[in-house]
Protein backbone atom coordinates (compact mmCIF):
# COMPACT_ATOMS: atom_id res chain seq x y z
CA MET A 1 145.58 -93.33 123.77
CA SER A 2 147.46 -91.34 126.44
CA ALA A 3 149.78 -93.36 128.64
CA GLY A 4 148.49 -93.71 132.17
CA VAL A 5 144.90 -92.70 131.43
CA LEU A 6 143.76 -96.12 132.71
CA SER A 7 146.39 -96.45 135.43
CA GLY A 8 145.21 -98.75 138.19
CA ARG A 9 142.27 -100.14 136.22
CA ILE A 10 141.74 -103.89 135.85
CA ALA A 11 140.72 -104.97 132.35
CA LEU A 12 139.70 -108.41 131.11
CA VAL A 13 139.83 -109.18 127.38
CA THR A 14 138.69 -112.45 125.81
CA GLY A 15 140.12 -113.71 122.54
CA ALA A 16 143.25 -111.76 123.44
CA SER A 17 145.89 -113.83 121.65
CA ARG A 18 145.48 -112.32 118.17
CA GLY A 19 143.61 -109.88 115.98
CA ILE A 20 141.33 -107.28 117.52
CA GLY A 21 141.53 -108.87 120.96
CA ALA A 22 145.33 -108.72 121.07
CA ALA A 23 145.39 -105.15 119.76
CA THR A 24 142.80 -104.10 122.36
CA ALA A 25 144.77 -105.75 125.15
CA ARG A 26 147.97 -103.99 124.02
CA THR A 27 146.19 -100.63 123.85
CA LEU A 28 144.68 -101.10 127.30
CA GLY A 29 148.12 -101.99 128.64
CA GLN A 30 149.71 -98.95 127.02
CA ALA A 31 147.02 -96.81 128.66
CA GLY A 32 148.05 -98.14 132.07
CA ALA A 33 145.46 -100.85 132.76
CA HIS A 34 146.50 -104.21 134.15
CA VAL A 35 145.30 -106.60 131.45
CA VAL A 36 143.80 -110.00 132.24
CA ALA A 37 144.24 -111.67 128.86
CA VAL A 38 142.06 -114.72 128.15
CA ALA A 39 142.63 -116.98 125.13
CA ARG A 40 143.19 -120.58 124.17
CA THR A 41 146.55 -120.05 122.43
CA VAL A 42 149.41 -119.98 124.93
CA GLY A 43 151.98 -118.85 122.36
CA GLY A 44 149.86 -115.90 121.34
CA LEU A 45 149.34 -114.91 124.97
CA GLU A 46 153.07 -115.03 125.61
CA GLU A 47 153.72 -112.77 122.61
CA LEU A 48 151.07 -110.39 123.91
CA ASP A 49 152.66 -110.37 127.37
CA ASP A 50 156.04 -109.50 125.83
CA ALA A 51 154.50 -106.62 123.87
CA ILE A 52 152.63 -105.23 126.88
CA ARG A 53 155.68 -105.43 129.11
CA ALA A 54 157.91 -103.88 126.46
CA ALA A 55 155.56 -100.88 126.49
CA GLY A 56 155.79 -100.63 130.28
CA GLY A 57 152.49 -102.33 131.06
CA SER A 58 151.50 -105.45 132.97
CA ALA A 59 149.32 -108.46 132.24
CA THR A 60 148.01 -111.68 133.70
CA LEU A 61 147.79 -114.50 131.17
CA VAL A 62 144.82 -116.86 131.39
CA PRO A 63 144.99 -119.82 128.96
CA LEU A 64 141.29 -120.62 128.94
CA ASP A 65 138.62 -121.53 126.42
CA VAL A 66 135.65 -119.18 126.91
CA THR A 67 133.35 -122.20 126.64
CA ASP A 68 134.89 -123.56 129.85
CA PHE A 69 132.18 -121.98 131.95
CA GLN A 70 133.44 -123.40 135.23
CA GLY A 71 136.81 -121.91 134.33
CA LEU A 72 135.22 -118.49 133.87
CA ALA A 73 133.61 -118.80 137.30
CA ARG A 74 136.96 -119.75 138.83
CA LEU A 75 138.59 -116.78 137.12
CA ALA A 76 135.97 -114.45 138.60
CA GLY A 77 136.67 -115.89 142.03
CA THR A 78 140.40 -115.31 141.61
CA LEU A 79 139.89 -111.72 140.42
CA GLY A 80 137.57 -111.09 143.35
CA GLU A 81 140.17 -112.34 145.83
CA ARG A 82 143.03 -110.43 144.22
CA TYR A 83 141.43 -107.16 143.11
CA ARG A 84 137.93 -107.10 144.64
CA ARG A 85 136.58 -105.62 141.40
CA LEU A 86 136.75 -105.54 137.61
CA ASP A 87 136.81 -102.18 135.83
CA ILE A 88 136.72 -103.22 132.18
CA LEU A 89 135.33 -106.25 130.35
CA VAL A 90 135.84 -106.66 126.61
CA GLY A 91 133.90 -109.64 125.23
CA ASN A 92 135.80 -110.14 122.01
CA ALA A 93 136.20 -113.90 121.53
CA GLY A 94 134.18 -115.20 118.62
CA ILE A 95 134.23 -117.55 115.65
CA ALA A 96 132.91 -117.10 112.13
CA GLY A 97 131.46 -120.56 111.59
CA PRO A 98 130.83 -122.12 108.19
CA SER A 99 129.58 -120.30 105.10
CA SER A 100 126.67 -122.52 104.17
CA PRO A 101 122.94 -122.52 103.39
CA LEU A 102 120.92 -122.85 106.57
CA ASP A 103 119.69 -126.32 105.67
CA HIS A 104 123.27 -127.54 105.16
CA ILE A 105 124.74 -126.41 108.49
CA PRO A 106 125.66 -129.41 110.70
CA LEU A 107 124.14 -129.25 114.16
CA LYS A 108 127.57 -129.46 115.78
CA ASP A 109 128.70 -126.32 113.91
CA TRP A 110 125.51 -124.47 114.89
CA ASP A 111 125.98 -125.41 118.53
CA GLU A 112 129.66 -124.42 118.53
CA VAL A 113 129.10 -120.94 117.07
CA ILE A 114 126.20 -120.20 119.42
CA LYS A 115 128.21 -121.49 122.38
CA VAL A 116 131.24 -119.29 121.63
CA ASN A 117 129.54 -116.15 120.33
CA VAL A 118 126.48 -116.04 122.59
CA THR A 119 126.50 -118.42 125.53
CA ALA A 120 130.09 -117.64 126.50
CA ASN A 121 129.34 -113.91 126.68
CA TRP A 122 126.26 -114.60 128.80
CA GLN A 123 128.43 -116.70 131.10
CA LEU A 124 130.98 -113.88 131.22
CA ILE A 125 128.23 -111.58 132.45
CA CYS A 126 127.13 -114.16 135.01
CA ALA A 127 130.69 -114.52 136.29
CA MET A 128 131.86 -110.89 136.17
CA ASP A 129 128.76 -108.81 136.90
CA ALA A 130 129.32 -108.59 140.65
CA LEU A 131 132.93 -107.49 140.09
CA LEU A 132 131.93 -104.84 137.53
CA ARG A 133 129.37 -103.46 139.97
CA ARG A 134 132.10 -103.05 142.59
CA SER A 135 134.04 -100.74 140.27
CA ASP A 136 133.46 -97.01 140.49
CA ALA A 137 133.05 -97.03 136.71
CA GLY A 138 132.58 -100.55 135.36
CA ARG A 139 132.71 -100.70 131.57
CA ALA A 140 131.67 -103.63 129.36
CA VAL A 141 132.08 -103.71 125.59
CA PHE A 142 130.90 -106.62 123.46
CA ILE A 143 132.19 -107.04 119.92
CA THR A 144 129.35 -107.50 117.47
CA SER A 145 129.07 -107.27 113.69
CA GLY A 146 127.08 -105.57 110.98
CA ALA A 147 126.00 -109.12 110.13
CA ALA A 148 123.52 -108.88 113.01
CA HIS A 149 121.55 -106.36 110.95
CA SER A 150 122.38 -107.31 107.37
CA MET A 151 121.36 -110.87 106.59
CA ARG A 152 123.31 -112.34 103.70
CA PRO A 153 122.98 -115.73 102.03
CA TYR A 154 125.17 -118.45 103.53
CA ARG A 155 126.15 -116.37 106.59
CA GLY A 156 122.98 -117.04 108.55
CA LEU A 157 124.63 -118.80 111.47
CA TYR A 158 127.06 -115.97 112.15
CA SER A 159 124.32 -113.35 111.75
CA THR A 160 122.08 -115.27 114.15
CA SER A 161 124.82 -115.49 116.76
CA LYS A 162 125.63 -111.77 116.65
CA ALA A 163 121.95 -110.77 116.73
CA ALA A 164 121.54 -112.95 119.80
CA LEU A 165 124.66 -111.45 121.39
CA GLU A 166 123.19 -107.99 120.92
CA ALA A 167 119.97 -109.08 122.63
CA VAL A 168 121.98 -110.40 125.59
CA ALA A 169 124.06 -107.21 125.85
CA ARG A 170 121.05 -104.91 125.57
CA THR A 171 119.26 -106.84 128.28
CA TYR A 172 122.35 -106.36 130.45
CA VAL A 173 122.15 -102.65 129.67
CA ALA A 174 118.62 -102.54 131.07
CA GLU A 175 119.64 -104.49 134.16
CA THR A 176 122.58 -102.17 134.97
CA GLU A 177 120.97 -98.86 134.04
CA ARG A 178 120.84 -97.62 137.64
CA THR A 179 124.38 -98.71 138.48
CA THR A 180 127.82 -97.35 137.63
CA VAL A 181 128.23 -100.07 134.96
CA ARG A 182 128.04 -98.97 131.34
CA VAL A 183 127.51 -101.55 128.59
CA ASN A 184 127.96 -100.95 124.87
CA LEU A 185 128.31 -102.83 121.60
CA PHE A 186 131.08 -102.29 119.08
CA ASN A 187 131.03 -103.18 115.38
CA PRO A 188 134.59 -103.21 113.98
CA GLY A 189 133.49 -103.85 110.40
CA PRO A 190 135.92 -105.43 107.93
CA THR A 191 139.33 -105.53 109.62
CA ARG A 192 142.72 -106.96 108.70
CA THR A 193 142.45 -110.15 110.74
CA ARG A 194 142.89 -113.87 110.18
CA THR A 195 139.18 -114.48 110.70
CA ARG A 196 138.27 -111.96 107.99
CA ALA A 197 140.76 -113.62 105.61
CA GLN A 198 139.15 -117.00 106.22
CA VAL A 199 135.67 -115.68 105.42
CA MET A 200 136.76 -113.47 102.49
CA PRO A 201 139.82 -115.23 101.02
CA GLY A 202 139.85 -113.17 97.80
CA GLU A 203 139.91 -109.82 99.57
CA ASP A 204 143.08 -107.69 99.64
CA PRO A 205 143.80 -107.32 103.38
CA MET A 206 145.81 -104.16 102.79
CA THR A 207 142.58 -102.37 101.87
CA LEU A 208 141.28 -102.95 105.40
CA PRO A 209 142.13 -101.07 108.60
CA PRO A 210 144.51 -102.89 110.96
CA PRO A 211 143.30 -104.11 114.36
CA GLU A 212 145.26 -101.36 116.11
CA GLU A 213 143.01 -98.65 114.63
CA VAL A 214 139.92 -100.50 115.77
CA ALA A 215 141.37 -101.09 119.24
CA GLU A 216 141.87 -97.36 119.86
CA LYS A 217 138.12 -96.79 119.53
CA ILE A 218 137.21 -99.83 121.62
CA VAL A 219 139.36 -98.55 124.46
CA GLU A 220 137.68 -95.14 124.29
CA LEU A 221 134.44 -96.88 125.28
CA CYS A 222 136.26 -98.32 128.31
CA LEU A 223 137.28 -94.99 129.82
CA PRO A 224 135.66 -94.00 133.13
CA GLU A 225 134.49 -90.72 131.60
CA PHE A 226 132.62 -92.51 128.80
CA ALA A 227 129.18 -92.39 130.37
CA GLU A 228 127.00 -93.65 127.49
CA THR A 229 125.30 -97.01 127.82
CA GLY A 230 123.23 -99.14 125.46
CA ARG A 231 124.88 -97.64 122.39
CA PHE A 232 126.31 -99.18 119.23
CA TYR A 233 129.63 -97.87 117.94
CA ASP A 234 129.98 -98.44 114.21
CA PHE A 235 133.67 -98.25 113.35
CA PRO A 236 133.27 -98.15 109.53
CA THR A 237 131.26 -94.91 109.81
CA ARG A 238 132.92 -93.72 113.06
CA LYS A 239 129.46 -93.13 114.54
CA LEU A 240 127.98 -93.82 117.96
CA LEU A 241 124.45 -94.99 117.25
CA SER A 242 121.29 -95.67 119.22
CA PHE A 243 119.07 -98.70 118.75
CA ARG A 244 115.63 -98.04 117.33
CA ARG A 245 112.54 -100.11 116.81
CA PRO A 246 111.91 -101.06 113.16
CA GLN A 247 109.77 -98.50 111.33
């Protein structure tokens, strides 16, 4: 990503303290964007801030749980007062949930995964939509998963949450079609992250691409000149896909 290509842009990234979120925030910062980094882990945010600043970028750290919906609304108010707009929104925060048969999933686990993976992204849209519309080229990217389309035993909760996220994002696509906002979904596929290691403990992480490779492609979807909307970028195949009705 060329330095300065996003100079002057304001970018918000959730789940920014580690993994794909942190790598995306660093890449956005290297490209010149001012990064508003949202995550629960203060230590991870501070490490991210050091990395962004070492590369000549700038960041605002926001220690916030994405399920604090009033906090998201307050953040939107602060961004509105300070910048009057938001140019880039990356909805990355998510949790894997338990690997379990559907009839063995505790209700509290079901509620937590849906709240983080779906409801929080809906609330992000509610909070940030007006700011994105004020940008000359608002860009929103939501991180999904192939699990939304490939249902596997014992991963039903995660698949359900990502399928629901895609429905939310695609509805937002339809609602912003006649604006300057562009909304897309991004499937990173298996990536060398802590979450992947928790779900697939026997897998050799060195066989997987690092988050930095994934982040480069995510940021490409955030560029003002990327004019596609309602598309699905599949990182494992490096293809930009369109949604189709089932045959």
